[in-house]
Protein backbone atom coordinates (compact mmCIF):
# COMPACT_ATOMS: atom_id res chain seq x y z
CA MET A 1 -14.06 221.13 80.88
CA ARG A 2 -16.73 219.21 78.93
CA ILE A 3 -19.43 220.79 81.08
CA ALA A 4 -17.92 224.22 80.44
CA ALA A 5 -17.70 223.59 76.68
CA ALA A 6 -21.37 222.58 76.61
CA ARG A 7 -22.35 225.74 78.55
CA PRO A 8 -20.07 228.49 77.26
CA GLY A 9 -19.93 231.63 79.39
CA GLU A 10 -21.55 230.03 82.42
CA LEU A 11 -18.39 230.31 84.50
CA HIS A 12 -15.57 232.83 84.41
CA ASP A 13 -12.21 231.45 83.25
CA ASP A 14 -10.58 232.25 86.60
CA ALA A 15 -13.17 230.17 88.45
CA LEU A 16 -12.82 227.34 85.96
CA SER A 17 -9.03 227.40 86.37
CA ALA A 18 -9.44 227.26 90.15
CA ILE A 19 -11.58 224.12 89.91
CA ARG A 20 -9.05 222.55 87.55
CA TYR A 21 -6.18 223.42 89.88
CA VAL A 22 -7.95 221.87 92.87
CA LEU A 23 -8.60 218.68 90.89
CA ASN A 24 -5.14 218.34 89.35
CA PHE A 25 -3.40 219.10 92.64
CA ALA A 26 -5.42 216.38 94.37
CA LYS A 27 -4.33 213.87 91.69
CA LEU A 28 -0.60 214.36 92.31
CA LEU A 29 1.37 211.12 92.57
CA VAL A 30 4.98 211.83 91.60
CA ILE A 31 6.65 215.20 90.97
CA ARG A 32 9.99 215.67 89.25
CA ASP A 33 11.99 218.64 90.48
CA ARG A 34 14.25 220.89 88.40
CA ALA A 35 17.23 218.65 89.20
CA GLY A 36 15.47 215.66 87.62
CA VAL A 37 14.72 213.89 90.93
CA ASP A 38 11.31 212.24 91.33
CA HIS A 39 9.40 212.67 94.59
CA ASP A 40 6.58 210.24 95.45
CA VAL A 41 3.85 212.31 97.15
CA GLN A 42 0.95 209.88 96.84
CA GLY A 43 0.89 208.89 100.49
CA PHE A 44 1.20 212.49 101.62
CA MET A 45 -1.71 213.50 99.36
CA ALA A 46 -4.06 210.57 100.03
CA SER A 47 -6.34 212.10 102.67
CA HIS A 48 -6.53 215.40 100.80
CA ALA A 49 -7.41 213.60 97.56
CA TRP A 50 -10.35 211.87 99.24
CA LYS A 51 -11.68 215.19 100.60
CA VAL A 52 -11.61 216.72 97.12
CA ARG A 53 -13.19 213.63 95.56
CA ASP A 54 -16.03 213.57 98.10
CA ALA A 55 -16.70 217.29 97.74
CA LEU A 56 -16.75 217.48 93.93
CA THR A 57 -18.13 214.10 92.82
CA PRO A 58 -21.80 215.11 93.41
CA HIS A 59 -21.38 218.28 91.34
CA LEU A 60 -19.17 217.06 88.48
CA LEU A 61 -20.22 213.43 88.01
CA GLU A 62 -23.59 212.66 89.60
CA GLU A 63 -25.53 215.81 88.63
CA PRO A 64 -23.07 217.93 86.61
CA SER A 65 -23.24 221.55 87.73
CA LEU A 66 -20.38 224.02 87.71
CA TRP A 67 -22.38 226.30 89.99
CA GLY A 68 -22.67 223.45 92.47
CA ALA A 69 -18.90 223.03 92.32
CA MET A 70 -18.51 226.77 92.90
CA ARG A 71 -20.39 226.53 96.20
CA VAL A 72 -17.76 224.18 97.66
CA LEU A 73 -14.80 225.78 95.85
CA PRO A 74 -13.78 228.38 98.50
CA GLU A 75 -13.29 225.68 101.12
CA LEU A 76 -11.41 223.44 98.67
CA VAL A 77 -9.13 226.30 97.60
CA ALA A 78 -8.25 226.96 101.24
CA LEU A 79 -7.53 223.25 101.83
CA THR A 80 -5.45 223.11 98.63
CA ARG A 81 -3.34 226.14 99.58
CA ASP A 82 -2.69 224.70 103.02
CA ARG A 83 -1.72 221.28 101.62
CA ARG A 84 0.49 222.93 99.00
CA THR A 85 2.39 224.86 101.70
CA ARG A 86 2.86 221.70 103.75
CA LEU A 87 3.95 219.70 100.70
CA LEU A 88 6.64 222.25 99.82
CA GLU A 89 7.83 222.20 103.43
CA HIS A 90 7.85 218.41 103.62
CA PHE A 91 9.59 217.66 100.30
CA PRO A 92 12.68 219.31 98.75
CA LEU A 93 10.58 220.54 95.82
CA ASP A 94 10.77 223.83 93.96
CA ARG A 95 7.51 225.70 93.43
CA ASP A 96 7.91 225.96 89.63
CA SER A 97 8.13 222.20 89.18
CA LEU A 98 5.09 221.68 91.36
CA GLU A 99 3.01 224.24 89.49
CA ALA A 100 4.08 222.89 86.09
CA GLU A 101 2.94 219.41 87.14
CA VAL A 102 -0.47 220.76 88.17
CA THR A 103 -1.21 223.27 85.41
CA THR A 104 0.26 221.58 82.31
CA ARG A 105 -1.21 218.60 80.49
CA GLN A 106 0.78 217.02 77.68
CA LEU A 107 -0.93 215.78 74.54
CA VAL A 108 -0.55 212.07 73.85
CA VAL A 109 -2.05 210.62 70.67
CA VAL A 110 -2.88 206.95 70.11
CA CYS A 111 -3.67 205.58 66.63
CA GLY A 112 -5.25 202.17 66.29
CA GLY A 113 -4.85 199.50 63.65
CA GLY A 114 -7.18 198.88 60.71
CA GLY A 115 -5.34 198.69 57.41
CA GLY A 116 -6.26 201.33 54.85
CA ALA A 117 -8.93 202.73 57.17
CA GLY A 118 -6.16 204.44 59.13
CA TYR A 119 -4.93 206.88 56.48
CA GLY A 120 -7.28 209.49 57.94
CA TYR A 121 -4.96 209.81 60.94
CA ALA A 122 -2.92 212.20 58.84
CA GLY A 123 -5.88 214.57 59.12
CA ALA A 124 -5.55 214.51 62.90
CA TRP A 125 -1.90 215.60 62.65
CA THR A 126 -2.96 218.47 60.40
CA LEU A 127 -5.77 219.55 62.72
CA PHE A 128 -3.58 219.45 65.84
CA HIS A 129 -0.99 221.52 64.02
CA ARG A 130 -3.54 224.13 62.99
CA ARG A 131 -4.66 224.42 66.62
CA GLY A 132 -1.09 224.82 67.85
CA LEU A 133 -1.10 221.48 69.68
CA GLN A 134 2.17 219.56 69.89
CA PRO A 135 2.03 215.79 70.56
CA GLU A 136 4.57 214.82 73.21
CA LEU A 137 4.09 211.06 72.77
CA ILE A 138 2.57 208.93 70.02
CA ALA A 139 1.54 205.28 70.22
CA GLY A 140 0.27 203.14 67.39
CA THR A 141 -0.62 199.68 66.17
CA SER A 142 -0.34 198.50 62.55
CA ILE A 143 -1.36 201.37 60.20
CA GLY A 144 -1.48 203.58 63.30
CA SER A 145 2.20 202.92 63.87
CA LEU A 146 3.06 203.84 60.27
CA LEU A 147 1.08 207.09 60.33
CA GLY A 148 2.45 207.82 63.79
CA LEU A 149 5.96 207.27 62.46
CA PHE A 150 5.50 209.99 59.85
CA ARG A 151 4.55 212.47 62.60
CA ALA A 152 7.19 211.36 65.12
CA ARG A 153 10.13 212.04 62.78
CA ARG A 154 10.19 215.77 63.59
CA ARG A 155 8.61 217.98 66.23
CA VAL A 156 7.92 220.58 63.56
CA PHE A 157 4.91 219.38 61.57
CA ASP A 158 5.56 218.60 57.90
CA GLY A 159 2.96 216.80 55.82
CA ALA A 160 5.14 216.64 52.71
CA PRO A 161 6.76 213.22 53.45
CA LEU A 162 3.34 211.57 53.68
CA VAL A 163 2.26 213.06 50.36
CA ALA A 164 5.57 211.94 48.83
CA ALA A 165 4.99 208.43 50.17
CA ALA A 166 1.43 208.30 48.81
CA LYS A 167 2.72 209.27 45.35
CA ARG A 168 5.28 206.49 45.24
CA LEU A 169 3.12 203.73 46.74
CA SER A 170 1.78 200.97 44.51
CA TRP A 171 0.91 197.32 45.02
CA GLU A 172 3.98 196.32 43.06
CA THR A 173 6.36 198.37 45.22
CA VAL A 174 4.80 197.55 48.59
CA PHE A 175 3.69 193.91 48.21
CA ARG A 176 5.04 190.89 46.40
CA VAL A 177 4.15 187.22 46.18
CA LEU A 178 7.46 185.40 46.57
CA GLN A 179 8.77 182.20 48.05
CA ILE A 180 11.19 183.44 50.70
CA GLU A 181 12.37 182.24 54.04
CA SER A 182 10.84 183.34 57.31
CA ARG A 183 12.97 184.15 60.33
CA TYR A 184 11.24 186.63 62.63
CA GLY A 185 7.79 187.20 61.12
CA LEU A 186 4.86 184.84 60.69
CA PRO A 187 4.71 183.74 57.03
CA ALA A 188 1.80 184.93 54.88
CA THR A 189 0.80 185.16 51.25
CA LEU A 190 1.79 188.81 50.68
CA ARG A 191 5.30 190.01 51.52
CA LEU A 192 5.49 193.58 52.78
CA TYR A 193 8.48 195.55 51.46
CA LEU A 194 8.36 198.78 53.44
CA ARG A 195 12.05 199.52 53.15
CA SER A 196 12.14 199.48 49.36
CA ALA A 197 8.92 201.53 49.18
CA ILE A 198 9.51 204.29 51.74
CA GLY A 199 12.81 203.45 53.44
CA SER A 200 14.55 206.57 52.12
CA LEU A 201 12.08 208.74 54.05
CA PHE A 202 13.22 207.24 57.34
CA GLU A 203 16.97 207.67 57.23
CA THR A 204 19.36 210.00 59.00
CA PRO A 205 21.29 212.57 56.91
CA ASP A 206 24.20 210.11 56.67
CA GLY A 207 21.94 207.37 55.29
CA ARG A 208 21.52 205.30 58.45
CA PRO A 209 18.02 203.87 59.12
CA LEU A 210 16.15 205.78 61.83
CA THR A 211 15.92 204.14 65.24
CA PHE A 212 13.60 205.02 68.10
CA ARG A 213 16.37 207.11 69.63
CA ASP A 214 16.45 209.29 66.51
CA LEU A 215 12.79 210.31 66.61
CA GLU A 216 12.11 213.80 67.88
CA ILE A 217 8.75 212.73 69.35
CA PRO A 218 8.75 209.53 71.45
CA LEU A 219 6.93 206.74 69.61
CA LEU A 220 5.54 203.41 70.85
CA ILE A 221 4.79 200.64 68.36
CA VAL A 222 2.82 197.61 69.55
CA THR A 223 3.49 194.15 68.13
CA THR A 224 2.33 190.69 69.13
CA GLY A 225 4.98 188.23 70.23
CA ILE A 226 3.84 184.68 69.46
CA GLY A 227 5.01 181.70 71.48
CA VAL A 228 5.40 178.42 69.63
CA GLU A 229 2.47 176.84 71.50
CA ALA A 230 0.08 179.45 70.01
CA LEU A 231 0.70 178.18 66.45
CA LYS A 232 -1.87 175.49 65.63
CA HIS A 233 -0.41 174.70 62.20
CA ASP A 234 2.96 174.43 60.54
CA LEU A 235 4.35 177.61 58.99
CA SER A 236 3.38 176.66 55.42
CA TYR A 237 -0.31 176.86 56.41
CA TYR A 238 0.01 180.59 57.18
CA GLU A 239 2.24 181.21 54.17
CA HIS A 240 -0.34 179.87 51.71
CA PHE A 241 -3.53 180.80 53.56
CA LEU A 242 -4.69 183.33 50.94
CA ASP A 243 -2.95 182.00 47.85
CA ASP A 244 -6.24 181.64 45.98
CA ALA A 245 -7.13 185.30 46.69
CA VAL A 246 -3.90 186.67 45.24
CA ARG A 247 -2.21 186.09 41.90
CA PRO A 248 1.25 187.09 40.71
CA GLY A 249 1.05 190.79 40.03
CA VAL A 250 -0.18 191.26 43.57
CA LYS A 251 -3.77 192.28 43.01
CA LEU A 252 -6.40 191.03 45.43
CA GLN A 253 -9.09 189.38 43.32
CA VAL A 254 -12.55 190.91 43.77
CA SER A 255 -14.19 187.52 43.32
CA THR A 256 -12.28 186.06 46.27
CA LEU A 257 -12.03 189.06 48.58
CA ALA A 258 -14.46 187.40 50.97
CA LYS A 259 -11.72 185.04 52.03
CA VAL A 260 -9.77 187.96 53.48
CA GLY A 261 -12.32 187.97 56.29
CA GLN A 262 -11.26 184.43 57.11
CA VAL A 263 -8.08 185.71 58.75
CA ALA A 264 -10.45 185.95 61.73
CA THR A 265 -10.02 182.19 62.11
CA ILE A 266 -6.27 182.64 62.59
CA PHE A 267 -6.88 185.42 65.13
CA ARG A 268 -9.23 183.11 67.08
CA GLU A 269 -6.75 180.27 67.01
CA LEU A 270 -3.92 182.46 68.29
CA LEU A 271 -6.10 183.95 71.03
CA SER A 272 -7.22 180.48 72.14
CA THR A 273 -3.82 180.25 73.85
CA PRO A 274 -3.57 183.74 75.38
CA ASP A 275 -0.66 182.83 77.64
CA ALA A 276 1.41 182.21 74.53
CA LEU A 277 0.95 185.78 73.29
CA ARG A 278 3.06 188.72 74.45
CA GLU A 279 2.52 192.44 74.01
CA VAL A 280 5.91 193.67 72.77
CA VAL A 281 6.07 197.47 72.71
CA PHE A 282 8.93 198.86 70.65
CA GLY A 283 10.01 202.26 71.91
CA SER A 284 8.97 201.53 75.49
CA ASP A 285 11.29 198.66 76.34
CA PRO A 286 14.82 200.20 76.49
CA ALA A 287 16.10 197.11 74.69
CA THR A 288 14.20 198.32 71.63
CA TYR A 289 15.43 201.94 71.55
CA ASP A 290 18.05 201.02 68.94
CA ALA A 291 15.61 199.09 66.75
CA ASP A 292 14.89 200.38 63.24
CA VAL A 293 11.53 202.11 63.43
CA LEU A 294 10.50 200.87 59.99
CA ASP A 295 11.09 197.26 61.03
CA ALA A 296 8.91 197.70 64.13
CA ALA A 297 6.11 199.25 62.04
CA GLY A 298 6.44 196.40 59.54
CA PHE A 299 6.04 193.73 62.21
CA SER A 300 3.10 195.62 63.75
CA SER A 301 1.40 195.65 60.33
CA SER A 302 1.95 191.99 59.42
CA ILE A 303 -1.51 190.41 59.46
CA PRO A 304 -1.38 186.62 60.02
CA GLY A 305 -2.20 184.76 56.83
CA LEU A 306 -2.32 187.93 54.73
CA ILE A 307 0.84 190.05 55.17
CA HIS A 308 4.33 188.90 56.13
CA TYR A 309 7.16 191.18 57.21
CA ASP A 310 10.69 190.09 58.09
CA VAL A 311 14.28 191.16 58.57
CA LEU A 312 16.26 189.01 56.14
CA ARG A 313 18.80 191.60 55.00
CA ASP A 314 22.40 191.51 56.15
CA ASP A 315 21.99 193.63 59.30
CA ARG A 316 23.81 192.08 62.23
CA ARG A 317 22.86 194.84 64.68
CA MET A 318 19.12 194.43 64.10
CA LYS A 319 19.27 190.65 64.09
CA VAL A 320 21.18 190.55 67.40
CA LEU A 321 18.60 192.93 68.89
CA LEU A 322 15.71 190.75 67.70
CA ASP A 323 17.37 187.50 68.81
CA GLU A 324 17.84 188.88 72.32
CA LEU A 325 14.28 190.24 72.38
CA TYR A 326 12.82 186.90 71.27
CA ALA A 327 14.79 185.03 73.92
CA ARG A 328 13.71 187.40 76.70
CA TYR A 329 10.01 187.30 75.77
CA GLY A 330 10.03 183.58 74.96
CA ILE A 331 8.55 184.05 71.49
CA THR A 332 9.16 182.54 68.09
CA ARG A 333 7.52 185.12 65.79
CA LEU A 334 6.32 188.75 65.73
CA ALA A 335 3.03 189.73 64.10
CA GLU A 336 0.21 192.27 63.90
CA GLY A 337 -0.07 194.26 67.13
CA GLY A 338 -3.86 194.34 66.99
CA ILE A 339 -4.07 190.72 68.13
CA VAL A 340 -3.21 191.84 71.66
CA ASN A 341 -3.81 195.60 71.56
CA ASN A 342 -5.43 197.33 68.61
CA VAL A 343 -5.76 200.80 70.21
CA PRO A 344 -2.80 200.92 72.61
CA VAL A 345 -3.92 203.56 75.10
CA ARG A 346 -2.73 201.73 78.19
CA PRO A 347 0.89 201.45 76.99
CA ALA A 348 0.83 205.18 76.23
CA PHE A 349 -0.63 205.98 79.66
CA THR A 350 1.92 203.72 81.36
CA GLU A 351 4.78 205.36 79.46
CA ALA A 352 3.61 208.85 80.44
CA MET A 353 3.17 207.87 84.09
CA SER A 354 6.66 206.35 84.12
CA GLY A 355 8.09 209.86 83.77
CA ARG A 356 9.17 209.55 80.14
CA LEU A 357 7.66 212.99 79.47
CA VAL A 358 8.91 214.53 82.75
CA ARG A 359 5.37 215.48 83.78
CA ARG A 360 2.76 212.87 84.67
CA ASN A 361 -0.47 214.58 83.73
CA PRO A 362 -1.12 213.48 80.13
CA TYR A 363 -4.20 214.18 78.04
CA ILE A 364 -4.66 211.14 75.82
CA VAL A 365 -6.57 211.27 72.54
CA ALA A 366 -7.29 207.81 71.11
CA LEU A 367 -8.32 207.42 67.45
CA ASP A 368 -9.90 204.14 66.37
CA CYS A 369 -10.36 203.54 62.63
CA PHE A 370 -11.56 199.93 63.08
CA PRO A 371 -14.58 199.86 65.44
CA PRO A 372 -17.18 197.17 64.66
CA ARG A 373 -19.43 198.26 61.79
CA MET A 374 -22.04 195.90 60.34
CA ARG A 375 -21.74 197.60 56.96
CA ALA A 376 -18.15 196.32 56.76
CA ILE A 377 -19.33 192.73 56.98
CA MET A 378 -16.08 191.32 55.53
CA PHE A 379 -14.10 192.69 58.48
CA TYR A 380 -16.76 192.44 61.17
CA GLY A 381 -15.41 189.15 62.50
CA VAL A 382 -11.91 190.55 63.05
CA GLN A 383 -13.35 193.78 64.46
CA GLN A 384 -15.33 191.78 67.01
CA ILE A 385 -12.31 189.69 67.94
CA VAL A 386 -10.08 192.69 68.71
CA ARG A 387 -12.88 194.69 70.36
CA PRO A 388 -12.33 193.26 73.88
CA ASN A 389 -8.71 194.46 73.96
CA VAL A 390 -9.87 197.87 72.71
CA LEU A 391 -12.50 198.11 75.45
CA ARG A 392 -9.83 197.34 78.07
CA ASN A 393 -7.84 200.33 76.80
CA ILE A 394 -10.56 202.95 76.38
CA PRO A 395 -10.74 203.86 80.12
CA TYR A 396 -7.15 205.16 79.87
CA ALA A 397 -8.14 207.67 77.17
CA ASN A 398 -9.43 211.17 77.90
CA THR A 399 -10.97 211.47 74.42
CA TYR A 400 -11.81 208.36 72.39
CA LEU A 401 -13.00 208.74 68.79
CA ALA A 402 -14.47 205.76 66.93
CA MET A 403 -14.12 206.99 63.36
CA GLU A 404 -17.27 206.72 61.24
CA ARG A 405 -15.91 207.50 57.76
CA THR A 406 -12.78 205.77 56.60
CA LEU A 407 -11.28 204.23 53.50
CA SER A 408 -11.70 200.49 53.15
CA PRO A 409 -9.26 198.49 55.29
CA LEU A 410 -8.25 196.79 52.02
CA ASN A 411 -7.24 200.11 50.44
CA LEU A 412 -3.67 199.57 51.63
CA VAL A 413 -2.00 201.69 48.93
CA PRO A 414 -4.40 204.59 48.30
CA ASN A 415 -3.74 207.35 45.81
CA VAL A 416 -3.29 210.97 46.90
CA PRO A 417 -6.96 211.97 46.33
CA ASP A 418 -8.10 209.07 48.54
CA VAL A 419 -5.64 210.07 51.28
CA ASN A 420 -6.87 213.67 51.14
CA LYS A 421 -10.48 212.49 51.34
CA ALA A 422 -9.71 210.33 54.39
CA MET A 423 -7.87 213.20 56.06
CA ASN A 424 -10.84 215.53 55.58
CA TRP A 425 -13.23 212.97 57.04
CA THR A 426 -11.10 212.62 60.16
CA MET A 427 -10.72 216.36 60.61
CA GLU A 428 -14.49 216.79 60.37
CA GLU A 429 -15.13 214.09 62.98
CA LEU A 430 -12.41 215.29 65.34
CA GLU A 431 -13.31 218.98 65.10
CA PRO A 432 -16.19 218.86 67.66
CA HIS A 433 -13.75 217.47 70.24
CA MET A 434 -11.12 220.13 69.65
CA PRO A 435 -12.43 222.88 71.99
CA VAL A 436 -12.04 220.57 75.00
CA ILE A 437 -8.73 219.07 73.80
CA GLU A 438 -7.31 222.52 73.13
CA ARG A 439 -8.36 223.90 76.52
CA MET A 440 -7.09 220.82 78.36
CA CYS A 441 -3.67 221.06 76.72
CA THR A 442 -3.30 224.81 77.35
CA PRO A 443 -1.51 225.66 80.62
CA PHE A 444 -3.63 227.64 83.08
CA ARG A 445 -2.84 229.92 86.01
CA PRO A 446 -2.23 228.45 89.46
CA ILE A 447 -4.28 229.62 92.42
């Protein structure tokens, strides 16, 4: 599809669809029939898959040429038709389910962490909506989980709640400097109060906080579970790490902003004991389906030493859920998801391949607002630290966009004009990728 987009008109749509069908059919692993029963066809398809791979690799990967692929296409179409007939005879599958698996790709969107740099993700939701593309699964870390949460509330796109949230956000409503206890989150200088700031936007009509079961689009939120052996200091060290950069009134002091970059030292310390860190994915683990989505996003956004989030309210249901989760994962605290997975493509891919979306042929778009940039010297250390986990995830994405223009990661409570500016930047950067994304997520005719 990228070759075709670069050379428009070179190949007729019917021929292009035939090549796509041959490829997607050869990739079949598991097919769910109309009764909801999964059929594992990988073994049955193995020899056929290798024939297709050997025939098309020289023309699509080594020296890309759609005309070269066309020369071997008639033979591959004949082989595909024969294998399709045999597959339908061998397995109790209906033809419609088979064809839907081959010709339909579902859009999955992954939004990485990066503080205020991630507000541009709202532009991606707008652009997808304008192109008629419906996300079927969203995954996010930190700010990516919050912006993903706004989109996952309803299948029908509505940008109004995000605008309403931007209007009511302020440092005083979102962050406070208080001496409070810590139960589930890692203490830090700033306390994040998501529920008081935007909690009313994430409630059911009867006033109950939204859980993952309530979302109309499945959402995954990545957090880092921290084992006690990963903590190199007592909790008061993390609680007061940035005290001299923040004063009552909750404004980061320009003269001491450089110290914010020192949270990289905490990241390094935590990662020095990797076996003590766990990737905890809310919305994927069934034990988390009844978790409050705002709590999960809060934990995913809690940067060690800088931002603390916790569940201290009188909520027995949520506390029992967290206590059981902590015991099962062997952790003592939850924190920023970017420590273990800042652009969580692999969890999204794994969730799609598990059958959560019925079909197992996702098209994954990964948006990264926090790639290493030397011009952002204050954050470069943290960007470099999380980069290895990002690189491990990129191969699972079909389109990966490292965003060039973003708000500052420290612009955690931007005003509406700043949000609009960030949205426009993202739409401009994503637009060149849209012809391929749109074609890939549009069903095509079977052979």
